[in-house]
Protein backbone atom coordinates (compact mmCIF):
# COMPACT_ATOMS: atom_id res chain seq x y z
CA UNK A 1 0.00 0.00 0.00
CA UNK A 2 2.90 2.38 0.34
CA UNK A 3 3.98 4.81 -2.33
CA UNK A 4 7.01 7.01 -2.72
CA UNK A 5 5.08 9.95 -1.29
CA UNK A 6 4.44 8.11 1.97
CA UNK A 7 0.70 7.96 1.30
CA UNK A 8 -1.18 4.84 0.25
CA UNK A 9 -2.57 6.74 -2.74
CA UNK A 10 -1.61 9.45 -5.18
CA UNK A 11 -4.01 12.31 -5.82
CA UNK A 12 -4.93 12.92 -9.43
CA UNK A 13 -3.52 15.95 -11.25
CA UNK A 14 -6.70 17.87 -10.46
CA UNK A 15 -6.33 17.13 -6.73
CA UNK A 16 -9.13 14.58 -6.61
CA UNK A 17 -8.69 11.57 -4.37
CA UNK A 18 -8.86 8.20 -6.17
CA UNK A 19 -11.07 5.36 -5.07
CA UNK A 20 -9.32 2.56 -3.16
CA UNK A 21 -11.47 -0.05 -4.95
CA UNK A 22 -9.44 -2.86 -6.53
CA UNK A 23 -12.47 -4.81 -7.81
CA UNK A 24 -12.28 -7.49 -5.11
CA UNK A 25 -15.67 -6.76 -3.62
CA UNK A 26 -16.49 -9.11 -0.75
CA UNK A 27 -17.54 -7.97 2.69
CA UNK A 28 -15.90 -9.73 5.63
CA UNK A 29 -18.59 -10.48 8.22
CA UNK A 30 -16.17 -10.40 11.15
CA UNK A 31 -14.66 -6.98 10.41
CA UNK A 32 -17.35 -5.31 8.31
CA UNK A 33 -14.66 -4.34 5.79
CA UNK A 34 -14.44 -5.07 2.10
CA UNK A 35 -11.75 -7.72 1.61
CA UNK A 36 -10.34 -5.79 -1.36
CA UNK A 37 -10.22 -2.16 -0.24
CA UNK A 38 -10.82 -2.40 3.54
CA UNK A 39 -13.68 0.10 3.43
CA UNK A 40 -16.93 -0.27 5.35
CA UNK A 41 -20.20 -0.53 3.47
CA UNK A 42 -21.05 3.05 4.48
CA UNK A 43 -17.71 4.29 3.10
CA UNK A 44 -18.29 2.41 -0.15
CA UNK A 45 -21.86 3.66 -0.52
CA UNK A 46 -20.95 7.26 0.28
CA UNK A 47 -17.71 7.51 -1.69
CA UNK A 48 -19.15 9.27 -4.74
CA UNK A 49 -20.75 11.96 -2.57
CA UNK A 50 -17.76 12.50 -0.25
CA UNK A 51 -15.63 15.61 -0.66
CA UNK A 52 -11.86 15.18 -0.93
CA UNK A 53 -11.31 15.72 2.81
CA UNK A 54 -13.76 12.92 3.62
CA UNK A 55 -12.08 10.68 1.04
CA UNK A 56 -8.67 11.39 2.60
CA UNK A 57 -10.13 10.46 6.00
CA UNK A 58 -11.29 7.14 4.54
CA UNK A 59 -7.79 6.52 3.17
CA UNK A 60 -6.36 7.28 6.63
CA UNK A 61 -8.77 4.75 8.14
CA UNK A 62 -7.77 2.19 5.50
CA UNK A 63 -4.09 2.62 6.39
CA UNK A 64 -4.91 2.07 10.07
CA UNK A 65 -7.01 -1.00 9.26
CA UNK A 66 -4.29 -2.40 7.02
CA UNK A 67 -1.68 -1.98 9.77
CA UNK A 68 -3.98 -3.66 12.31
CA UNK A 69 -4.71 -6.49 9.88
CA UNK A 70 -1.01 -7.04 9.10
CA UNK A 71 0.32 -6.74 12.68
CA UNK A 72 -0.17 -10.42 13.64
CA UNK A 73 1.52 -11.56 10.43
CA UNK A 74 4.45 -9.21 10.96
CA UNK A 75 4.85 -10.38 14.57
CA UNK A 76 4.87 -14.01 13.46
CA UNK A 77 7.35 -13.23 10.70
CA UNK A 78 9.67 -11.47 13.15
CA UNK A 79 9.54 -14.46 15.51
CA UNK A 80 10.33 -16.85 12.68
CA UNK A 81 13.31 -14.80 11.54
CA UNK A 82 14.81 -15.01 15.05
CA UNK A 83 14.47 -18.79 15.28
CA UNK A 84 17.67 -20.77 14.65
CA UNK A 85 17.74 -22.45 11.26
């Protein structure tokens, strides 16, 4: 999700904020997030009416969700790298 700018997305030339949709549209019942873009159903439904500030806030939430989702995997990976081979 990272880019060279440090954001998970790049704004278009006109300053508009792109959709995080990657066309993997399945809602996870346990989290309430789309498995593809990590948005909630309310964020998905409202996206087209959100202003750019609201869209940036959704992207910020996505980054937080992604970090929370990845944390257990990263912890496990770190433990495995410290185990003797």
